[in-house]
Amino acid sequence: MKIALFSDIHANIDALIPVLEDIYSRNPDAVYCLGDLVGYAPFPNEVVQTIREKGIPVIAGNYDQGVGLKSDNCGCAYKTEEDEARGVESITYTNNIISGENRAYLRSLPAHIRIEFGVNTDPYHLLLVHGSPRKINEYLFEDRTDASMIRIMETSNAHIMAFGHTHQPYHKKLEDSDGTFRHAINIGSVGKPKDGDPRACYVMLEWDGDLDLTRPDVLNVEFIRVEYDVEKAAKAVEDSPLPNPFADMLRNGG
């Protein structure tokens, strides 16, 4: 089984197109998007239309939720007043240019997707969320303690939990009290990486035969980086009413 997961495109069509080309060149059995299609770049309609045309199942990100509800709040956490002001500019701009049809689509997206594996055995659950199972905009950073992460996954009955929102990819393999290995996977960001690498990021999950999570290495988690024309995407931001610092964030991967 091979499953492609991507997230946090943030209206960056220049990153999305090569990522989708790379994904489909690898012939996955399934493809899912973990939300935040819009915000921070000038092509929200193009991104939404591309995802819809491909028929890719999507869950709502916090930005999708904000725009879907025509809110002036994206649910983002800002460190400074200047960052917050830029965030308001971004969601206001996105609300002004998103089509009515695409806004309705964003409003209709589900919060989570749960996939159950196992036939005639105890099932394992793959849970796809945007921030966390508890809150759409909760940040699950890599420095969260193992005990806290296991507790979140046990409470939500997730053996494999994939999420985005922080734009910082990582994989934690966590052994719980009954000897099952739970996998917490931040899949990074396609359109707005924040790990110092400006290339787009997505994840491929792969395993052969039964998904036996009592085996620590049964699940292969591959983080795939895709080159795209970052300068073109940054210039498009600078040519739009969006704040110019968003362009430098694309160039610098942060």
C-alpha atoms as a PDB file:
ATOM      1  CA  MET A   1       0.000   0.000   0.000  1.00  0.00           C
ATOM      2  CA  LYS A   2       1.248   3.451  -0.927  1.00  0.00           C
ATOM      3  CA  ILE A   3      -0.490   6.631   0.274  1.00  0.00           C
ATOM      4  CA  ALA A   4       0.553  10.187  -0.647  1.00  0.00           C
ATOM      5  CA  LEU A   5      -0.218  12.976   1.824  1.00  0.00           C
ATOM      6  CA  PHE A   6       0.268  16.702   1.325  1.00  0.00           C
ATOM      7  CA  SER A   7      -0.845  19.861   3.070  1.00  0.00           C
ATOM      8  CA  ASP A   8      -0.597  23.628   3.439  1.00  0.00           C
ATOM      9  CA  ILE A   9      -0.504  24.745  -0.179  1.00  0.00           C
ATOM     10  CA  HIS A  10      -1.531  28.269   0.782  1.00  0.00           C
ATOM     11  CA  ALA A  11      -2.561  29.441  -2.687  1.00  0.00           C
ATOM     12  CA  ASN A  12       0.868  28.635  -4.159  1.00  0.00           C
ATOM     13  CA  ILE A  13      -0.128  27.125  -7.504  1.00  0.00           C
ATOM     14  CA  ASP A  14       3.488  27.153  -8.710  1.00  0.00           C
ATOM     15  CA  ALA A  15       4.391  24.665  -5.974  1.00  0.00           C
ATOM     16  CA  LEU A  16       1.231  22.569  -6.196  1.00  0.00           C
ATOM     17  CA  ILE A  17       1.472  21.630  -9.887  1.00  0.00           C
ATOM     18  CA  PRO A  18       4.947  20.019  -9.739  1.00  0.00           C
ATOM     19  CA  VAL A  19       4.080  18.310  -6.454  1.00  0.00           C
ATOM     20  CA  LEU A  20       1.025  16.676  -8.020  1.00  0.00           C
ATOM     21  CA  GLU A  21       3.084  15.677 -11.056  1.00  0.00           C
ATOM     22  CA  ASP A  22       5.650  14.062  -8.763  1.00  0.00           C
ATOM     23  CA  ILE A  23       2.982  12.313  -6.689  1.00  0.00           C
ATOM     24  CA  TYR A  24       1.214  10.758  -9.655  1.00  0.00           C
ATOM     25  CA  SER A  25       4.495   9.719 -11.267  1.00  0.00           C
ATOM     26  CA  ARG A  26       4.977   7.409  -8.261  1.00  0.00           C
ATOM     27  CA  ASN A  27       1.605   5.659  -8.732  1.00  0.00           C
ATOM     28  CA  PRO A  28       0.221   5.848  -5.190  1.00  0.00           C
ATOM     29  CA  ASP A  29      -2.856   3.835  -4.229  1.00  0.00           C
ATOM     30  CA  ALA A  30      -4.443   6.894  -2.622  1.00  0.00           C
ATOM     31  CA  VAL A  31      -3.835  10.643  -2.307  1.00  0.00           C
ATOM     32  CA  TYR A  32      -5.123  12.913   0.467  1.00  0.00           C
ATOM     33  CA  CYS A  33      -4.749  16.606   1.245  1.00  0.00           C
ATOM     34  CA  LEU A  34      -4.690  17.805   4.861  1.00  0.00           C
ATOM     35  CA  GLY A  35      -5.944  21.317   4.231  1.00  0.00           C
ATOM     36  CA  ASP A  36      -4.988  24.978   4.087  1.00  0.00           C
ATOM     37  CA  LEU A  37      -5.468  25.352   0.374  1.00  0.00           C
ATOM     38  CA  VAL A  38      -5.647  29.144   0.569  1.00  0.00           C
ATOM     39  CA  GLY A  39      -3.999  32.203   2.106  1.00  0.00           C
ATOM     40  CA  TYR A  40      -0.650  34.034   1.798  1.00  0.00           C
ATOM     41  CA  ALA A  41      -0.332  33.827  -1.995  1.00  0.00           C
ATOM     42  CA  PRO A  42      -2.438  35.167  -4.885  1.00  0.00           C
ATOM     43  CA  PHE A  43      -3.874  31.980  -6.417  1.00  0.00           C
ATOM     44  CA  PRO A  44      -6.503  30.544  -4.043  1.00  0.00           C
ATOM     45  CA  ASN A  45      -9.050  29.896  -6.798  1.00  0.00           C
ATOM     46  CA  GLU A  46      -6.506  28.156  -9.011  1.00  0.00           C
ATOM     47  CA  VAL A  47      -5.402  25.889  -6.159  1.00  0.00           C
ATOM     48  CA  VAL A  48      -8.949  24.993  -5.136  1.00  0.00           C
ATOM     49  CA  GLN A  49      -9.955  24.298  -8.745  1.00  0.00           C
ATOM     50  CA  THR A  50      -6.916  22.082  -9.318  1.00  0.00           C
ATOM     51  CA  ILE A  51      -7.650  20.012  -6.220  1.00  0.00           C
ATOM     52  CA  ARG A  52     -11.320  19.693  -7.153  1.00  0.00           C
ATOM     53  CA  GLU A  53     -10.547  18.694 -10.746  1.00  0.00           C
ATOM     54  CA  LYS A  54      -8.224  15.945  -9.490  1.00  0.00           C
ATOM     55  CA  GLY A  55     -10.934  14.683  -7.113  1.00  0.00           C
ATOM     56  CA  ILE A  56      -8.494  14.614  -4.191  1.00  0.00           C
ATOM     57  CA  PRO A  57     -10.142  14.108  -0.774  1.00  0.00           C
ATOM     58  CA  VAL A  58      -9.403  17.116   1.441  1.00  0.00           C
ATOM     59  CA  ILE A  59      -9.925  18.037   5.070  1.00  0.00           C
ATOM     60  CA  ALA A  60     -10.361  21.613   6.236  1.00  0.00           C
ATOM     61  CA  GLY A  61      -7.408  23.614   7.416  1.00  0.00           C
ATOM     62  CA  ASN A  62      -7.859  26.570   9.729  1.00  0.00           C
ATOM     63  CA  TYR A  63      -7.369  28.977   6.826  1.00  0.00           C
ATOM     64  CA  ASP A  64      -9.929  27.109   4.718  1.00  0.00           C
ATOM     65  CA  GLN A  65     -12.349  27.321   7.614  1.00  0.00           C
ATOM     66  CA  GLY A  66     -11.816  31.071   8.019  1.00  0.00           C
ATOM     67  CA  VAL A  67     -12.301  31.824   4.325  1.00  0.00           C
ATOM     68  CA  GLY A  68     -15.183  29.377   4.028  1.00  0.00           C
ATOM     69  CA  LEU A  69     -16.980  31.305   6.766  1.00  0.00           C
ATOM     70  CA  LYS A  70     -15.879  34.678   5.335  1.00  0.00           C
ATOM     71  CA  SER A  71     -14.186  35.434   8.643  1.00  0.00           C
ATOM     72  CA  ASP A  72     -11.444  37.987   9.217  1.00  0.00           C
ATOM     73  CA  ASN A  73      -9.651  35.474  11.453  1.00  0.00           C
ATOM     74  CA  CYS A  74      -7.668  32.551  10.054  1.00  0.00           C
ATOM     75  CA  GLY A  75      -7.045  30.978  13.455  1.00  0.00           C
ATOM     76  CA  CYS A  76      -3.306  31.490  13.082  1.00  0.00           C
ATOM     77  CA  ALA A  77      -0.913  32.166  15.964  1.00  0.00           C
ATOM     78  CA  TYR A  78       1.163  35.314  15.446  1.00  0.00           C
ATOM     79  CA  LYS A  79       4.289  36.225  17.412  1.00  0.00           C
ATOM     80  CA  THR A  80       4.136  39.990  16.859  1.00  0.00           C
ATOM     81  CA  GLU A  81       1.559  42.676  16.139  1.00  0.00           C
ATOM     82  CA  GLU A  82       3.235  43.216  12.771  1.00  0.00           C
ATOM     83  CA  ASP A  83       2.757  39.541  11.883  1.00  0.00           C
ATOM     84  CA  GLU A  84      -0.873  39.755  12.943  1.00  0.00           C
ATOM     85  CA  ALA A  85      -1.448  42.833  10.773  1.00  0.00           C
ATOM     86  CA  ARG A  86       0.025  41.014   7.778  1.00  0.00           C
ATOM     87  CA  GLY A  87      -2.219  38.056   8.547  1.00  0.00           C
ATOM     88  CA  VAL A  88      -5.279  40.280   8.474  1.00  0.00           C
ATOM     89  CA  GLU A  89      -4.159  41.654   5.102  1.00  0.00           C
ATOM     90  CA  SER A  90      -3.798  38.112   3.798  1.00  0.00           C
ATOM     91  CA  ILE A  91      -7.208  36.800   4.816  1.00  0.00           C
ATOM     92  CA  THR A  92      -8.920  40.021   3.735  1.00  0.00           C
ATOM     93  CA  TYR A  93      -7.306  39.730   0.293  1.00  0.00           C
ATOM     94  CA  THR A  94      -8.229  36.048   0.025  1.00  0.00           C
ATOM     95  CA  ASN A  95     -11.826  36.744   1.069  1.00  0.00           C
ATOM     96  CA  ASN A  96     -12.040  39.429  -1.604  1.00  0.00           C
ATOM     97  CA  ILE A  97     -10.881  37.256  -4.507  1.00  0.00           C
ATOM     98  CA  ILE A  98     -12.191  33.761  -3.678  1.00  0.00           C
ATOM     99  CA  SER A  99     -15.154  32.777  -5.824  1.00  0.00           C
ATOM    100  CA  GLY A 100     -18.509  32.029  -4.233  1.00  0.00           C
ATOM    101  CA  GLU A 101     -18.368  28.437  -5.480  1.00  0.00           C
ATOM    102  CA  ASN A 102     -14.912  27.869  -4.038  1.00  0.00           C
ATOM    103  CA  ARG A 103     -15.880  29.488  -0.729  1.00  0.00           C
ATOM    104  CA  ALA A 104     -18.824  27.094  -0.469  1.00  0.00           C
ATOM    105  CA  TYR A 105     -16.455  24.185  -1.211  1.00  0.00           C
ATOM    106  CA  LEU A 106     -14.077  25.266   1.562  1.00  0.00           C
ATOM    107  CA  ARG A 107     -16.998  25.567   3.961  1.00  0.00           C
ATOM    108  CA  SER A 108     -18.089  21.997   3.152  1.00  0.00           C
ATOM    109  CA  LEU A 109     -14.770  20.279   3.896  1.00  0.00           C
ATOM    110  CA  PRO A 110     -14.705  17.653   6.676  1.00  0.00           C
ATOM    111  CA  ALA A 111     -12.629  18.120   9.813  1.00  0.00           C
ATOM    112  CA  HIS A 112     -10.933  14.682   9.815  1.00  0.00           C
ATOM    113  CA  ILE A 113     -10.578  11.574   7.687  1.00  0.00           C
ATOM    114  CA  ARG A 114     -10.213   8.194   9.408  1.00  0.00           C
ATOM    115  CA  ILE A 115      -9.096   5.081   7.515  1.00  0.00           C
ATOM    116  CA  GLU A 116      -9.274   1.629   9.106  1.00  0.00           C
ATOM    117  CA  PHE A 117      -6.906  -1.156   8.094  1.00  0.00           C
ATOM    118  CA  GLY A 118      -7.166  -4.828   9.007  1.00  0.00           C
ATOM    119  CA  VAL A 119      -9.438  -7.631   7.871  1.00  0.00           C
ATOM    120  CA  ASN A 120     -10.504 -10.181  10.512  1.00  0.00           C
ATOM    121  CA  THR A 121      -7.882  -8.788  12.859  1.00  0.00           C
ATOM    122  CA  ASP A 122      -7.706  -5.980  15.378  1.00  0.00           C
ATOM    123  CA  PRO A 123      -7.925  -2.862  13.194  1.00  0.00           C
ATOM    124  CA  TYR A 124      -5.377  -0.102  12.948  1.00  0.00           C
ATOM    125  CA  HIS A 125      -6.506   3.462  12.307  1.00  0.00           C
ATOM    126  CA  LEU A 126      -4.878   6.123  10.143  1.00  0.00           C
ATOM    127  CA  LEU A 127      -6.210   9.514  11.239  1.00  0.00           C
ATOM    128  CA  LEU A 128      -5.739  12.566   9.021  1.00  0.00           C
ATOM    129  CA  VAL A 129      -6.128  15.936  10.760  1.00  0.00           C
ATOM    130  CA  HIS A 130      -4.945  19.457  10.065  1.00  0.00           C
ATOM    131  CA  GLY A 131      -3.678  20.726  13.420  1.00  0.00           C
ATOM    132  CA  SER A 132      -4.589  17.995  15.882  1.00  0.00           C
ATOM    133  CA  PRO A 133      -7.597  15.768  16.626  1.00  0.00           C
ATOM    134  CA  ARG A 134      -8.570  18.206  19.370  1.00  0.00           C
ATOM    135  CA  LYS A 135      -8.431  21.495  17.514  1.00  0.00           C
ATOM    136  CA  ILE A 136      -8.021  22.499  13.886  1.00  0.00           C
ATOM    137  CA  ASN A 137      -5.360  25.099  14.732  1.00  0.00           C
ATOM    138  CA  GLU A 138      -3.433  23.313  17.505  1.00  0.00           C
ATOM    139  CA  TYR A 139       0.305  23.193  16.787  1.00  0.00           C
ATOM    140  CA  LEU A 140       1.922  19.800  17.318  1.00  0.00           C
ATOM    141  CA  PHE A 141       5.585  20.720  17.187  1.00  0.00           C
ATOM    142  CA  GLU A 142       8.374  18.142  17.247  1.00  0.00           C
ATOM    143  CA  ASP A 143       9.392  19.079  20.797  1.00  0.00           C
ATOM    144  CA  ARG A 144       6.061  17.907  22.229  1.00  0.00           C
ATOM    145  CA  THR A 145       6.758  15.126  24.729  1.00  0.00           C
ATOM    146  CA  ASP A 146       6.260  11.527  23.697  1.00  0.00           C
ATOM    147  CA  ALA A 147       3.832  11.014  26.573  1.00  0.00           C
ATOM    148  CA  SER A 148       1.670  13.910  25.413  1.00  0.00           C
ATOM    149  CA  MET A 149       1.669  12.713  21.802  1.00  0.00           C
ATOM    150  CA  ILE A 150       0.771   9.149  22.793  1.00  0.00           C
ATOM    151  CA  ARG A 151      -2.059  10.468  24.960  1.00  0.00           C
ATOM    152  CA  ILE A 152      -3.469  12.499  22.062  1.00  0.00           C
ATOM    153  CA  MET A 153      -3.288   9.490  19.748  1.00  0.00           C
ATOM    154  CA  GLU A 154      -4.779   7.039  22.235  1.00  0.00           C
ATOM    155  CA  THR A 155      -7.645   9.395  23.030  1.00  0.00           C
ATOM    156  CA  SER A 156      -8.455   9.772  19.336  1.00  0.00           C
ATOM    157  CA  ASN A 157      -7.865   6.062  18.562  1.00  0.00           C
ATOM    158  CA  ALA A 158      -5.116   6.832  16.068  1.00  0.00           C
ATOM    159  CA  HIS A 159      -2.309   4.376  15.409  1.00  0.00           C
ATOM    160  CA  ILE A 160      -0.939   6.528  12.594  1.00  0.00           C
ATOM    161  CA  MET A 161      -1.688  10.237  12.809  1.00  0.00           C
ATOM    162  CA  ALA A 162      -0.764  12.569   9.972  1.00  0.00           C
ATOM    163  CA  PHE A 163      -1.087  16.314  10.321  1.00  0.00           C
ATOM    164  CA  GLY A 164       0.268  19.638   9.036  1.00  0.00           C
ATOM    165  CA  HIS A 165      -0.264  23.222  10.211  1.00  0.00           C
ATOM    166  CA  THR A 166       3.258  23.857  11.590  1.00  0.00           C
ATOM    167  CA  HIS A 167       4.867  23.539   8.110  1.00  0.00           C
ATOM    168  CA  GLN A 168       7.768  21.692   9.781  1.00  0.00           C
ATOM    169  CA  PRO A 169       8.026  18.010   8.812  1.00  0.00           C
ATOM    170  CA  TYR A 170       8.974  15.226  11.210  1.00  0.00           C
ATOM    171  CA  HIS A 171       8.179  11.620  12.095  1.00  0.00           C
ATOM    172  CA  LYS A 172       7.943  10.256  15.627  1.00  0.00           C
ATOM    173  CA  LYS A 173       7.761   6.525  16.268  1.00  0.00           C
ATOM    174  CA  LEU A 174       6.201   5.981  19.698  1.00  0.00           C
ATOM    175  CA  GLU A 175       5.828   2.666  21.540  1.00  0.00           C
ATOM    176  CA  ASP A 176       2.754   2.562  23.748  1.00  0.00           C
ATOM    177  CA  SER A 177       2.101   0.431  26.834  1.00  0.00           C
ATOM    178  CA  ASP A 178       0.860  -2.616  24.883  1.00  0.00           C
ATOM    179  CA  GLY A 179       3.874  -2.741  22.547  1.00  0.00           C
ATOM    180  CA  THR A 180       2.166  -1.114  19.578  1.00  0.00           C
ATOM    181  CA  PHE A 181       4.191   1.445  17.659  1.00  0.00           C
ATOM    182  CA  ARG A 182       2.219   4.596  16.935  1.00  0.00           C
ATOM    183  CA  HIS A 183       3.418   6.974  14.245  1.00  0.00           C
ATOM    184  CA  ALA A 184       2.992  10.747  14.513  1.00  0.00           C
ATOM    185  CA  ILE A 185       3.828  12.375  11.174  1.00  0.00           C
ATOM    186  CA  ASN A 186       3.923  16.055  10.353  1.00  0.00           C
ATOM    187  CA  ILE A 187       3.837  16.097   6.574  1.00  0.00           C
ATOM    188  CA  GLY A 188       5.280  19.583   6.114  1.00  0.00           C
ATOM    189  CA  SER A 189       4.060  22.155   3.605  1.00  0.00           C
ATOM    190  CA  VAL A 190       3.751  22.268  -0.159  1.00  0.00           C
ATOM    191  CA  GLY A 191       3.425  26.008  -0.577  1.00  0.00           C
ATOM    192  CA  LYS A 192       4.960  27.672   2.476  1.00  0.00           C
ATOM    193  CA  PRO A 193       7.709  25.576   4.121  1.00  0.00           C
ATOM    194  CA  LYS A 194       9.066  26.800   7.448  1.00  0.00           C
ATOM    195  CA  ASP A 195      12.006  24.454   7.980  1.00  0.00           C
ATOM    196  CA  GLY A 196      14.621  26.456   6.091  1.00  0.00           C
ATOM    197  CA  ASP A 197      14.200  24.448   2.883  1.00  0.00           C
ATOM    198  CA  PRO A 198      12.178  26.356   0.254  1.00  0.00           C
ATOM    199  CA  ARG A 199      11.371  23.222  -1.736  1.00  0.00           C
ATOM    200  CA  ALA A 200       7.829  21.882  -1.524  1.00  0.00           C
ATOM    201  CA  CYS A 201       7.355  18.929   0.833  1.00  0.00           C
ATOM    202  CA  TYR A 202       4.976  15.978   0.933  1.00  0.00           C
ATOM    203  CA  VAL A 203       4.960  12.476   2.425  1.00  0.00           C
ATOM    204  CA  MET A 204       4.586   8.979   1.021  1.00  0.00           C
ATOM    205  CA  LEU A 205       3.481   6.228   3.408  1.00  0.00           C
ATOM    206  CA  GLU A 206       4.251   2.710   2.238  1.00  0.00           C
ATOM    207  CA  TRP A 207       4.095  -0.834   3.568  1.00  0.00           C
ATOM    208  CA  ASP A 208       3.964  -4.359   2.158  1.00  0.00           C
ATOM    209  CA  GLY A 209       1.405  -6.957   3.216  1.00  0.00           C
ATOM    210  CA  ASP A 210      -0.294  -6.562   6.558  1.00  0.00           C
ATOM    211  CA  LEU A 211       0.064  -3.321   8.483  1.00  0.00           C
ATOM    212  CA  ASP A 212       1.432  -4.925  11.662  1.00  0.00           C
ATOM    213  CA  LEU A 213       2.293  -2.041  13.976  1.00  0.00           C
ATOM    214  CA  THR A 214       3.831  -4.324  16.581  1.00  0.00           C
ATOM    215  CA  ARG A 215       6.792  -4.240  14.191  1.00  0.00           C
ATOM    216  CA  PRO A 216       8.681  -0.943  14.529  1.00  0.00           C
ATOM    217  CA  ASP A 217       9.767  -0.707  10.905  1.00  0.00           C
ATOM    218  CA  VAL A 218       6.702  -1.986   9.047  1.00  0.00           C
ATOM    219  CA  LEU A 219       5.737   1.533   7.964  1.00  0.00           C
ATOM    220  CA  ASN A 220       8.038   3.458   5.647  1.00  0.00           C
ATOM    221  CA  VAL A 221       7.600   7.234   5.896  1.00  0.00           C
ATOM    222  CA  GLU A 222       9.342   9.112   3.083  1.00  0.00           C
ATOM    223  CA  PHE A 223       9.591  12.894   3.072  1.00  0.00           C
ATOM    224  CA  ILE A 224       9.818  13.998  -0.551  1.00  0.00           C
ATOM    225  CA  ARG A 225      11.083  17.467  -1.511  1.00  0.00           C
ATOM    226  CA  VAL A 226      10.113  18.871  -4.886  1.00  0.00           C
ATOM    227  CA  GLU A 227      11.913  21.687  -6.680  1.00  0.00           C
ATOM    228  CA  TYR A 228       9.712  24.401  -8.138  1.00  0.00           C
ATOM    229  CA  ASP A 229      10.124  27.954  -9.423  1.00  0.00           C
ATOM    230  CA  VAL A 230      10.273  29.685  -6.044  1.00  0.00           C
ATOM    231  CA  GLU A 231      11.262  33.008  -7.572  1.00  0.00           C
ATOM    232  CA  LYS A 232       8.207  32.987  -9.844  1.00  0.00           C
ATOM    233  CA  ALA A 233       5.954  32.337  -6.848  1.00  0.00           C
ATOM    234  CA  ALA A 234       7.679  35.042  -4.798  1.00  0.00           C
ATOM    235  CA  LYS A 235       7.398  37.562  -7.631  1.00  0.00           C
ATOM    236  CA  ALA A 236       3.676  36.827  -7.939  1.00  0.00           C
ATOM    237  CA  VAL A 237       3.282  37.722  -4.257  1.00  0.00           C
ATOM    238  CA  GLU A 238       5.228  40.956  -4.763  1.00  0.00           C
ATOM    239  CA  ASP A 239       3.071  41.850  -7.761  1.00  0.00           C
ATOM    240  CA  SER A 240      -0.097  41.382  -5.692  1.00  0.00           C
ATOM    241  CA  PRO A 241      -1.525  43.484  -2.828  1.00  0.00           C
ATOM    242  CA  LEU A 242      -0.159  40.930  -0.347  1.00  0.00           C
ATOM    243  CA  PRO A 243       2.684  41.969   2.013  1.00  0.00           C
ATOM    244  CA  ASN A 244       6.111  41.617   0.382  1.00  0.00           C
ATOM    245  CA  PRO A 245       7.600  39.744   3.379  1.00  0.00           C
ATOM    246  CA  PHE A 246       5.508  36.740   2.321  1.00  0.00           C
ATOM    247  CA  ALA A 247       7.676  36.551  -0.816  1.00  0.00           C
ATOM    248  CA  ASP A 248      10.893  36.415   1.205  1.00  0.00           C
ATOM    249  CA  MET A 249       9.396  33.654   3.352  1.00  0.00           C
ATOM    250  CA  LEU A 250       9.006  31.567   0.202  1.00  0.00           C
ATOM    251  CA  ARG A 251      12.577  32.297  -0.870  1.00  0.00           C
ATOM    252  CA  ASN A 252      13.999  31.427   2.558  1.00  0.00           C
ATOM    253  CA  GLY A 253      11.803  28.464   3.486  1.00  0.00           C
ATOM    254  CA  GLY A 254      10.556  30.268   6.564  1.00  0.00           C
END
